[in-house]
Amino acid sequence: MKSCTILAAQADGCSITTIEGLSKDGVMHPMQQAFMENHGLQCGYCTPGMVMAAIGLLNENPHPTEDDVRLGLEGNLCRCTGYHNIVKSVLAAAE
């Protein structure tokens, strides 16, 4: 869920995971690792949203195609790139 599309009161009683809550005991989440290894980080402006959206995408579709990834991330805007390394990162994490 994007934070801009839900009021905080609507999340009352729900479990919420943020980008900061992904790593456990100093070990990055596999998606964070894939973004780092595949240069999907860029400036960092869009990274938290891209990582969280990508995890949600893989939860629904563990074996996406490139088109699936592009469609799944279309609501997140990257100001730096043509999304190539971001898509590459998500596909790497799916493996």
C-alpha atoms as a PDB file:
ATOM      1  CA  MET A   1       0.000   0.000   0.000  1.00  0.00           C
ATOM      2  CA  LYS A   2       1.367   3.395  -0.852  1.00  0.00           C
ATOM      3  CA  SER A   3       1.383   5.704   2.147  1.00  0.00           C
ATOM      4  CA  CYS A   4      -0.134   8.478   0.050  1.00  0.00           C
ATOM      5  CA  THR A   5      -3.248   6.439  -0.718  1.00  0.00           C
ATOM      6  CA  ILE A   6      -4.300   5.452   2.797  1.00  0.00           C
ATOM      7  CA  LEU A   7      -4.953   7.457   5.938  1.00  0.00           C
ATOM      8  CA  ALA A   8      -3.001   6.451   9.044  1.00  0.00           C
ATOM      9  CA  ALA A   9      -6.281   5.742  10.866  1.00  0.00           C
ATOM     10  CA  GLN A  10      -7.184   3.206   8.170  1.00  0.00           C
ATOM     11  CA  ALA A  11      -4.047   1.222   9.055  1.00  0.00           C
ATOM     12  CA  ASP A  12      -4.994   0.969  12.738  1.00  0.00           C
ATOM     13  CA  GLY A  13      -4.454  -2.616  13.858  1.00  0.00           C
ATOM     14  CA  CYS A  14      -2.569  -3.569  10.701  1.00  0.00           C
ATOM     15  CA  SER A  15       1.001  -4.794  10.480  1.00  0.00           C
ATOM     16  CA  ILE A  16       3.173  -2.317   8.572  1.00  0.00           C
ATOM     17  CA  THR A  17       6.614  -3.022   7.179  1.00  0.00           C
ATOM     18  CA  THR A  18       8.793  -0.140   6.060  1.00  0.00           C
ATOM     19  CA  ILE A  19      12.095  -0.183   4.191  1.00  0.00           C
ATOM     20  CA  GLU A  20      13.884   0.106   7.551  1.00  0.00           C
ATOM     21  CA  GLY A  21      12.175  -3.057   8.791  1.00  0.00           C
ATOM     22  CA  LEU A  22      13.331  -5.280   5.950  1.00  0.00           C
ATOM     23  CA  SER A  23      16.842  -6.106   7.146  1.00  0.00           C
ATOM     24  CA  LYS A  24      17.164  -8.525  10.034  1.00  0.00           C
ATOM     25  CA  ASP A  25      20.170  -8.655  12.356  1.00  0.00           C
ATOM     26  CA  GLY A  26      22.212  -6.536   9.954  1.00  0.00           C
ATOM     27  CA  VAL A  27      21.451  -8.768   6.955  1.00  0.00           C
ATOM     28  CA  MET A  28      19.764  -7.090   4.008  1.00  0.00           C
ATOM     29  CA  HIS A  29      16.550  -8.446   2.533  1.00  0.00           C
ATOM     30  CA  PRO A  30      17.218 -10.312  -0.757  1.00  0.00           C
ATOM     31  CA  MET A  31      15.522  -7.498  -2.695  1.00  0.00           C
ATOM     32  CA  GLN A  32      17.780  -4.886  -1.081  1.00  0.00           C
ATOM     33  CA  GLN A  33      20.786  -7.063  -1.919  1.00  0.00           C
ATOM     34  CA  ALA A  34      19.639  -7.450  -5.535  1.00  0.00           C
ATOM     35  CA  PHE A  35      19.211  -3.671  -5.894  1.00  0.00           C
ATOM     36  CA  MET A  36      22.726  -3.151  -4.558  1.00  0.00           C
ATOM     37  CA  GLU A  37      24.316  -5.846  -6.758  1.00  0.00           C
ATOM     38  CA  ASN A  38      22.508  -4.742  -9.934  1.00  0.00           C
ATOM     39  CA  HIS A  39      22.961  -0.974  -9.533  1.00  0.00           C
ATOM     40  CA  GLY A  40      19.242  -0.355  -9.053  1.00  0.00           C
ATOM     41  CA  LEU A  41      19.829   2.224  -6.304  1.00  0.00           C
ATOM     42  CA  GLN A  42      20.723   5.322  -8.321  1.00  0.00           C
ATOM     43  CA  CYS A  43      20.164   8.522  -6.260  1.00  0.00           C
ATOM     44  CA  GLY A  44      18.003   6.830  -3.635  1.00  0.00           C
ATOM     45  CA  TYR A  45      14.945   9.070  -4.057  1.00  0.00           C
ATOM     46  CA  CYS A  46      12.702   6.283  -5.384  1.00  0.00           C
ATOM     47  CA  THR A  47      14.536   3.308  -3.887  1.00  0.00           C
ATOM     48  CA  PRO A  48      12.377   2.652  -0.796  1.00  0.00           C
ATOM     49  CA  GLY A  49       9.174   2.718  -2.839  1.00  0.00           C
ATOM     50  CA  MET A  50      10.673   0.616  -5.619  1.00  0.00           C
ATOM     51  CA  VAL A  51      11.990  -1.998  -3.192  1.00  0.00           C
ATOM     52  CA  MET A  52       8.716  -2.232  -1.284  1.00  0.00           C
ATOM     53  CA  ALA A  53       6.647  -2.376  -4.492  1.00  0.00           C
ATOM     54  CA  ALA A  54       8.986  -5.027  -5.907  1.00  0.00           C
ATOM     55  CA  ILE A  55       8.590  -7.191  -2.809  1.00  0.00           C
ATOM     56  CA  GLY A  56       4.813  -6.861  -3.086  1.00  0.00           C
ATOM     57  CA  LEU A  57       5.017  -7.782  -6.763  1.00  0.00           C
ATOM     58  CA  LEU A  58       7.061 -10.920  -6.065  1.00  0.00           C
ATOM     59  CA  ASN A  59       4.694 -11.912  -3.265  1.00  0.00           C
ATOM     60  CA  GLU A  60       1.891 -11.943  -5.844  1.00  0.00           C
ATOM     61  CA  ASN A  61       3.945 -13.185  -8.808  1.00  0.00           C
ATOM     62  CA  PRO A  62       7.178 -14.971  -7.796  1.00  0.00           C
ATOM     63  CA  HIS A  63       8.288 -15.494 -11.415  1.00  0.00           C
ATOM     64  CA  PRO A  64       7.522 -12.251 -13.276  1.00  0.00           C
ATOM     65  CA  THR A  65       8.520 -11.416 -16.806  1.00  0.00           C
ATOM     66  CA  GLU A  66      10.227  -8.118 -17.591  1.00  0.00           C
ATOM     67  CA  ASP A  67       6.854  -6.738 -18.708  1.00  0.00           C
ATOM     68  CA  ASP A  68       5.266  -7.874 -15.417  1.00  0.00           C
ATOM     69  CA  VAL A  69       7.949  -6.004 -13.461  1.00  0.00           C
ATOM     70  CA  ARG A  70       7.572  -2.835 -15.507  1.00  0.00           C
ATOM     71  CA  LEU A  71       3.789  -2.937 -15.064  1.00  0.00           C
ATOM     72  CA  GLY A  72       4.107  -3.712 -11.345  1.00  0.00           C
ATOM     73  CA  LEU A  73       6.377  -0.725 -10.736  1.00  0.00           C
ATOM     74  CA  GLU A  74       4.632   1.769 -12.992  1.00  0.00           C
ATOM     75  CA  GLY A  75       3.300   3.881 -10.115  1.00  0.00           C
ATOM     76  CA  ASN A  76       6.791   4.582  -8.766  1.00  0.00           C
ATOM     77  CA  LEU A  77       8.723   7.353 -10.443  1.00  0.00           C
ATOM     78  CA  CYS A  78      12.490   7.281 -10.875  1.00  0.00           C
ATOM     79  CA  ARG A  79      14.063  10.632 -11.704  1.00  0.00           C
ATOM     80  CA  CYS A  80      17.466   9.210 -12.731  1.00  0.00           C
ATOM     81  CA  THR A  81      17.162   6.353 -15.185  1.00  0.00           C
ATOM     82  CA  GLY A  82      15.155   4.467 -17.746  1.00  0.00           C
ATOM     83  CA  TYR A  83      14.432   1.837 -15.075  1.00  0.00           C
ATOM     84  CA  HIS A  84      16.696  -0.750 -16.714  1.00  0.00           C
ATOM     85  CA  ASN A  85      18.754  -1.567 -13.607  1.00  0.00           C
ATOM     86  CA  ILE A  86      15.697  -1.434 -11.357  1.00  0.00           C
ATOM     87  CA  VAL A  87      13.913  -4.035 -13.509  1.00  0.00           C
ATOM     88  CA  LYS A  88      17.136  -6.049 -13.674  1.00  0.00           C
ATOM     89  CA  SER A  89      17.320  -5.966  -9.853  1.00  0.00           C
ATOM     90  CA  VAL A  90      13.762  -7.218  -9.395  1.00  0.00           C
ATOM     91  CA  LEU A  91      14.291 -10.035 -11.895  1.00  0.00           C
ATOM     92  CA  ALA A  92      17.526 -11.003 -10.108  1.00  0.00           C
ATOM     93  CA  ALA A  93      15.713 -11.140  -6.756  1.00  0.00           C
ATOM     94  CA  ALA A  94      13.030 -13.324  -8.323  1.00  0.00           C
ATOM     95  CA  GLU A  95      15.657 -15.916  -9.193  1.00  0.00           C
END
